[in-house]
């Protein structure tokens, strides 16, 4: 059986999907209390590292993506598929799950 080495540059999302590098979870509360790993919430903010070509409309024409590589985005809490490549955590999302671009 052959092994395949995957990283972000070798994985290309299809259609209107995008790869988002997940931001690190908060280590402390606002009051300074350290959080254990079990109490940390999954972040909903990340940086777009790969995008697909966009979905097709009814005529077969490509609709360009509204986000681009390098954008910081806010996405739905339970959206996407969690993917771990190397030591980094990523989420594979559909463009409709992106709620906003963070400035």
N, C-alpha and C. Protein backbone atom coordinates (compact mmCIF):
# COMPACT_ATOMS: atom_id res chain seq x y z
N UNK A 1 0.85 -1.18 0.00
CA UNK A 1 0.00 0.00 0.00
C UNK A 1 0.89 1.24 0.00
N UNK A 2 0.63 2.19 -0.87
CA UNK A 2 1.43 3.41 -0.98
C UNK A 2 0.96 4.43 0.04
N UNK A 3 1.91 5.17 0.56
CA UNK A 3 1.57 6.25 1.48
C UNK A 3 1.60 7.57 0.72
N UNK A 4 0.69 8.44 1.09
CA UNK A 4 0.59 9.75 0.46
C UNK A 4 0.88 10.80 1.51
N UNK A 5 1.78 11.71 1.19
CA UNK A 5 2.10 12.81 2.11
C UNK A 5 1.24 14.01 1.71
N UNK A 6 0.37 14.43 2.61
CA UNK A 6 -0.51 15.56 2.32
C UNK A 6 -0.05 16.80 3.06
N UNK A 7 -0.12 17.92 2.38
CA UNK A 7 0.05 19.22 3.01
C UNK A 7 -0.86 20.20 2.28
N UNK A 8 -0.91 21.41 2.73
CA UNK A 8 -1.85 22.38 2.18
C UNK A 8 -1.59 22.64 0.70
N UNK A 9 -0.34 22.63 0.28
CA UNK A 9 -0.05 22.93 -1.12
C UNK A 9 -0.40 21.77 -2.05
N UNK A 10 -0.56 20.56 -1.53
CA UNK A 10 -0.91 19.42 -2.38
C UNK A 10 -2.40 19.11 -2.38
N UNK A 11 -3.18 19.78 -1.56
CA UNK A 11 -4.61 19.54 -1.49
C UNK A 11 -5.33 20.76 -2.07
N UNK A 12 -6.11 20.55 -3.13
CA UNK A 12 -6.83 21.65 -3.78
C UNK A 12 -8.33 21.44 -3.60
N UNK A 13 -9.02 22.37 -2.91
CA UNK A 13 -10.46 22.25 -2.75
C UNK A 13 -11.19 22.34 -4.09
N UNK A 14 -12.32 21.67 -4.18
CA UNK A 14 -13.13 21.68 -5.39
C UNK A 14 -14.33 22.60 -5.24
N UNK A 15 -14.85 23.07 -6.36
CA UNK A 15 -16.06 23.89 -6.36
C UNK A 15 -15.93 25.14 -5.51
N UNK A 16 -16.92 25.35 -4.63
CA UNK A 16 -16.92 26.55 -3.79
C UNK A 16 -16.39 26.27 -2.39
N UNK A 17 -15.48 25.32 -2.28
CA UNK A 17 -14.90 24.99 -0.96
C UNK A 17 -13.59 25.71 -0.75
N UNK A 18 -13.23 25.87 0.52
CA UNK A 18 -11.98 26.53 0.88
C UNK A 18 -11.38 25.90 2.12
N UNK A 19 -10.05 25.98 2.19
CA UNK A 19 -9.31 25.51 3.36
C UNK A 19 -9.03 26.70 4.25
N UNK A 20 -9.36 26.58 5.52
CA UNK A 20 -9.12 27.65 6.49
C UNK A 20 -8.21 27.11 7.59
N UNK A 21 -7.11 27.83 7.84
CA UNK A 21 -6.23 27.48 8.95
C UNK A 21 -6.87 28.02 10.22
N UNK A 22 -7.15 27.14 11.15
CA UNK A 22 -7.87 27.50 12.37
C UNK A 22 -6.97 28.32 13.29
N UNK A 23 -7.51 29.42 13.83
CA UNK A 23 -6.78 30.23 14.80
C UNK A 23 -6.63 29.45 16.10
N UNK A 24 -5.62 29.78 16.87
CA UNK A 24 -5.39 29.11 18.15
C UNK A 24 -6.50 29.44 19.13
N UNK A 25 -6.90 28.46 19.93
CA UNK A 25 -7.93 28.67 20.95
C UNK A 25 -7.35 29.51 22.08
N UNK A 26 -8.21 30.26 22.73
CA UNK A 26 -7.79 31.10 23.84
C UNK A 26 -7.26 30.25 24.98
N UNK A 27 -6.11 30.64 25.53
CA UNK A 27 -5.50 29.91 26.64
C UNK A 27 -6.03 30.40 27.99
N UNK A 28 -6.45 31.69 28.03
CA UNK A 28 -6.92 32.30 29.28
C UNK A 28 -8.27 32.96 29.06
N UNK A 29 -9.00 33.10 30.15
CA UNK A 29 -10.24 33.88 30.10
C UNK A 29 -9.89 35.36 30.20
N UNK A 30 -10.87 36.23 30.05
CA UNK A 30 -10.63 37.67 30.17
C UNK A 30 -10.13 38.03 31.56
N UNK A 31 -10.52 37.22 32.56
CA UNK A 31 -10.09 37.48 33.94
C UNK A 31 -8.71 36.90 34.26
N UNK A 32 -8.10 36.18 33.30
CA UNK A 32 -6.76 35.65 33.50
C UNK A 32 -6.71 34.21 33.97
N UNK A 33 -7.83 33.51 34.00
CA UNK A 33 -7.86 32.12 34.44
C UNK A 33 -7.42 31.22 33.28
N UNK A 34 -6.46 30.33 33.52
CA UNK A 34 -6.00 29.41 32.50
C UNK A 34 -7.05 28.34 32.25
N UNK A 35 -7.29 28.06 30.97
CA UNK A 35 -8.30 27.08 30.59
C UNK A 35 -7.64 25.73 30.26
N UNK A 36 -8.18 24.62 30.78
CA UNK A 36 -7.66 23.31 30.37
C UNK A 36 -8.13 23.01 28.95
N UNK A 37 -7.50 22.04 28.30
CA UNK A 37 -7.84 21.71 26.91
C UNK A 37 -9.31 21.32 26.76
N UNK A 38 -9.89 20.69 27.76
CA UNK A 38 -11.28 20.25 27.66
C UNK A 38 -12.28 21.41 27.73
N UNK A 39 -11.87 22.55 28.25
CA UNK A 39 -12.78 23.69 28.40
C UNK A 39 -12.65 24.70 27.26
N UNK A 40 -11.68 24.51 26.38
CA UNK A 40 -11.48 25.46 25.28
C UNK A 40 -12.53 25.24 24.21
N UNK A 41 -13.06 26.36 23.70
CA UNK A 41 -14.04 26.29 22.62
C UNK A 41 -13.32 26.26 21.28
N UNK A 42 -13.93 25.60 20.31
CA UNK A 42 -13.38 25.56 18.97
C UNK A 42 -13.46 26.97 18.38
N UNK A 43 -12.34 27.50 17.91
CA UNK A 43 -12.37 28.85 17.33
C UNK A 43 -13.22 28.89 16.07
N UNK A 44 -13.81 30.06 15.79
CA UNK A 44 -14.62 30.24 14.59
C UNK A 44 -13.97 31.21 13.63
N UNK A 45 -12.70 31.52 13.88
CA UNK A 45 -11.96 32.47 13.04
C UNK A 45 -10.73 31.76 12.50
N UNK A 46 -10.39 32.04 11.26
CA UNK A 46 -9.20 31.45 10.67
C UNK A 46 -8.79 32.20 9.43
N UNK A 47 -7.66 31.76 8.86
CA UNK A 47 -7.12 32.39 7.66
C UNK A 47 -7.28 31.45 6.48
N UNK A 48 -7.78 31.98 5.37
CA UNK A 48 -7.98 31.19 4.16
C UNK A 48 -6.61 30.89 3.55
N UNK A 49 -6.32 29.59 3.33
CA UNK A 49 -5.03 29.20 2.77
C UNK A 49 -5.15 28.60 1.37
N UNK A 50 -6.32 28.10 1.00
CA UNK A 50 -6.57 27.57 -0.34
C UNK A 50 -8.04 27.78 -0.68
N UNK A 51 -8.32 28.07 -1.95
CA UNK A 51 -9.71 28.20 -2.39
C UNK A 51 -9.92 27.38 -3.65
N UNK A 52 -11.14 26.94 -3.83
CA UNK A 52 -11.51 26.23 -5.06
C UNK A 52 -11.81 27.22 -6.16
N UNK A 53 -12.12 26.73 -7.36
CA UNK A 53 -12.38 27.62 -8.49
C UNK A 53 -13.73 28.33 -8.44
N UNK A 54 -14.62 27.92 -7.55
CA UNK A 54 -15.96 28.51 -7.47
C UNK A 54 -16.99 27.56 -8.04
N UNK A 55 -18.24 27.74 -7.64
CA UNK A 55 -19.30 26.84 -8.14
C UNK A 55 -19.79 27.33 -9.49
N UNK A 56 -20.55 26.49 -10.14
CA UNK A 56 -21.10 26.83 -11.46
C UNK A 56 -22.56 27.25 -11.33
N UNK A 57 -22.96 28.20 -12.18
CA UNK A 57 -24.37 28.59 -12.20
C UNK A 57 -25.14 27.66 -13.13
N UNK A 58 -26.41 27.94 -13.37
CA UNK A 58 -27.25 27.06 -14.17
C UNK A 58 -26.79 26.97 -15.62
N UNK A 59 -26.08 27.98 -16.10
CA UNK A 59 -25.57 27.98 -17.48
C UNK A 59 -24.23 27.28 -17.61
N UNK A 60 -23.62 26.92 -16.48
CA UNK A 60 -22.32 26.26 -16.51
C UNK A 60 -21.15 27.21 -16.34
N UNK A 61 -21.43 28.50 -16.13
CA UNK A 61 -20.36 29.48 -15.94
C UNK A 61 -19.91 29.47 -14.48
N UNK A 62 -18.62 29.68 -14.26
CA UNK A 62 -18.07 29.73 -12.91
C UNK A 62 -18.45 31.03 -12.22
N UNK A 63 -18.88 30.92 -10.96
CA UNK A 63 -19.13 32.09 -10.12
C UNK A 63 -17.89 32.28 -9.27
N UNK A 64 -17.17 33.39 -9.41
CA UNK A 64 -15.93 33.56 -8.64
C UNK A 64 -16.18 33.60 -7.13
N UNK A 65 -15.19 33.15 -6.38
CA UNK A 65 -15.28 33.14 -4.92
C UNK A 65 -15.22 34.58 -4.39
N UNK A 66 -15.94 34.84 -3.30
CA UNK A 66 -15.95 36.17 -2.70
C UNK A 66 -14.78 36.36 -1.73
N UNK A 67 -14.16 35.27 -1.31
CA UNK A 67 -13.00 35.35 -0.44
C UNK A 67 -11.76 34.98 -1.23
N UNK A 68 -10.60 35.39 -0.74
CA UNK A 68 -9.36 35.05 -1.41
C UNK A 68 -8.35 34.56 -0.38
N UNK A 69 -7.28 33.97 -0.87
CA UNK A 69 -6.23 33.45 0.00
C UNK A 69 -5.65 34.61 0.82
N UNK A 70 -5.50 34.39 2.11
CA UNK A 70 -4.97 35.42 3.00
C UNK A 70 -6.04 36.14 3.81
N UNK A 71 -7.30 36.04 3.40
CA UNK A 71 -8.39 36.68 4.14
C UNK A 71 -8.59 35.98 5.49
N UNK A 72 -8.86 36.77 6.53
CA UNK A 72 -9.28 36.20 7.81
C UNK A 72 -10.79 36.18 7.80
N UNK A 73 -11.35 35.01 8.13
CA UNK A 73 -12.80 34.85 8.02
C UNK A 73 -13.39 34.34 9.32
N UNK A 74 -14.67 34.66 9.51
CA UNK A 74 -15.48 34.15 10.61
C UNK A 74 -16.44 33.16 9.98
N UNK A 75 -16.48 31.92 10.50
CA UNK A 75 -17.32 30.90 9.91
C UNK A 75 -18.24 30.29 10.95
N UNK A 76 -19.26 29.58 10.48
CA UNK A 76 -20.27 28.96 11.34
C UNK A 76 -19.63 27.98 12.31
N UNK A 77 -20.18 27.89 13.50
CA UNK A 77 -19.60 27.10 14.58
C UNK A 77 -19.47 25.61 14.24
N UNK A 78 -20.48 25.01 13.67
CA UNK A 78 -20.46 23.57 13.41
C UNK A 78 -20.27 23.25 11.93
N UNK A 79 -19.74 24.18 11.17
CA UNK A 79 -19.59 24.00 9.73
C UNK A 79 -18.28 23.30 9.39
N UNK A 80 -18.28 22.68 8.23
CA UNK A 80 -17.05 22.16 7.67
C UNK A 80 -16.58 20.83 8.23
N UNK A 81 -15.46 20.40 7.70
CA UNK A 81 -14.82 19.15 8.09
C UNK A 81 -13.46 19.48 8.66
N UNK A 82 -13.19 19.03 9.89
CA UNK A 82 -11.90 19.27 10.51
C UNK A 82 -10.85 18.37 9.87
N UNK A 83 -9.70 18.96 9.52
CA UNK A 83 -8.61 18.23 8.89
C UNK A 83 -7.33 18.62 9.60
N UNK A 84 -6.50 17.62 9.92
CA UNK A 84 -5.21 17.89 10.53
C UNK A 84 -4.13 17.50 9.54
N UNK A 85 -3.34 18.47 9.10
CA UNK A 85 -2.22 18.23 8.19
C UNK A 85 -0.95 18.63 8.91
N UNK A 86 -0.08 17.66 9.19
CA UNK A 86 1.11 17.93 9.98
C UNK A 86 0.69 18.27 11.39
N UNK A 87 1.17 19.38 11.91
CA UNK A 87 0.81 19.83 13.27
C UNK A 87 -0.26 20.91 13.25
N UNK A 88 -0.76 21.25 12.07
CA UNK A 88 -1.71 22.34 11.93
C UNK A 88 -3.14 21.82 11.78
N UNK A 89 -4.09 22.58 12.33
CA UNK A 89 -5.51 22.25 12.21
C UNK A 89 -6.14 23.13 11.14
N UNK A 90 -6.93 22.51 10.27
CA UNK A 90 -7.62 23.20 9.20
C UNK A 90 -9.08 22.79 9.21
N UNK A 91 -9.90 23.60 8.54
CA UNK A 91 -11.31 23.28 8.33
C UNK A 91 -11.57 23.43 6.84
N UNK A 92 -12.18 22.42 6.25
CA UNK A 92 -12.59 22.47 4.85
C UNK A 92 -14.05 22.91 4.85
N UNK A 93 -14.31 24.11 4.33
CA UNK A 93 -15.63 24.73 4.38
C UNK A 93 -16.20 24.96 2.99
N UNK A 94 -17.50 25.04 2.92
CA UNK A 94 -18.17 25.55 1.74
C UNK A 94 -18.25 27.07 1.89
N UNK A 95 -18.21 27.79 0.79
CA UNK A 95 -18.23 29.25 0.87
C UNK A 95 -19.46 29.78 1.60
N UNK A 96 -20.58 29.07 1.52
CA UNK A 96 -21.82 29.53 2.17
C UNK A 96 -21.69 29.51 3.70
N UNK A 97 -20.72 28.76 4.26
CA UNK A 97 -20.52 28.69 5.70
C UNK A 97 -19.68 29.85 6.23
N UNK A 98 -19.09 30.64 5.34
CA UNK A 98 -18.32 31.81 5.77
C UNK A 98 -19.30 32.92 6.04
N UNK A 99 -19.24 33.46 7.27
CA UNK A 99 -20.19 34.50 7.67
C UNK A 99 -19.69 35.90 7.38
N UNK A 100 -18.36 36.13 7.51
CA UNK A 100 -17.82 37.46 7.32
C UNK A 100 -16.32 37.40 7.12
N UNK A 101 -15.80 38.43 6.46
CA UNK A 101 -14.35 38.63 6.34
C UNK A 101 -13.98 39.60 7.46
N UNK A 102 -12.98 39.24 8.26
CA UNK A 102 -12.57 40.05 9.39
C UNK A 102 -11.45 40.99 8.94
N UNK A 103 -11.62 42.28 9.20
CA UNK A 103 -10.60 43.26 8.79
C UNK A 103 -9.44 43.29 9.73
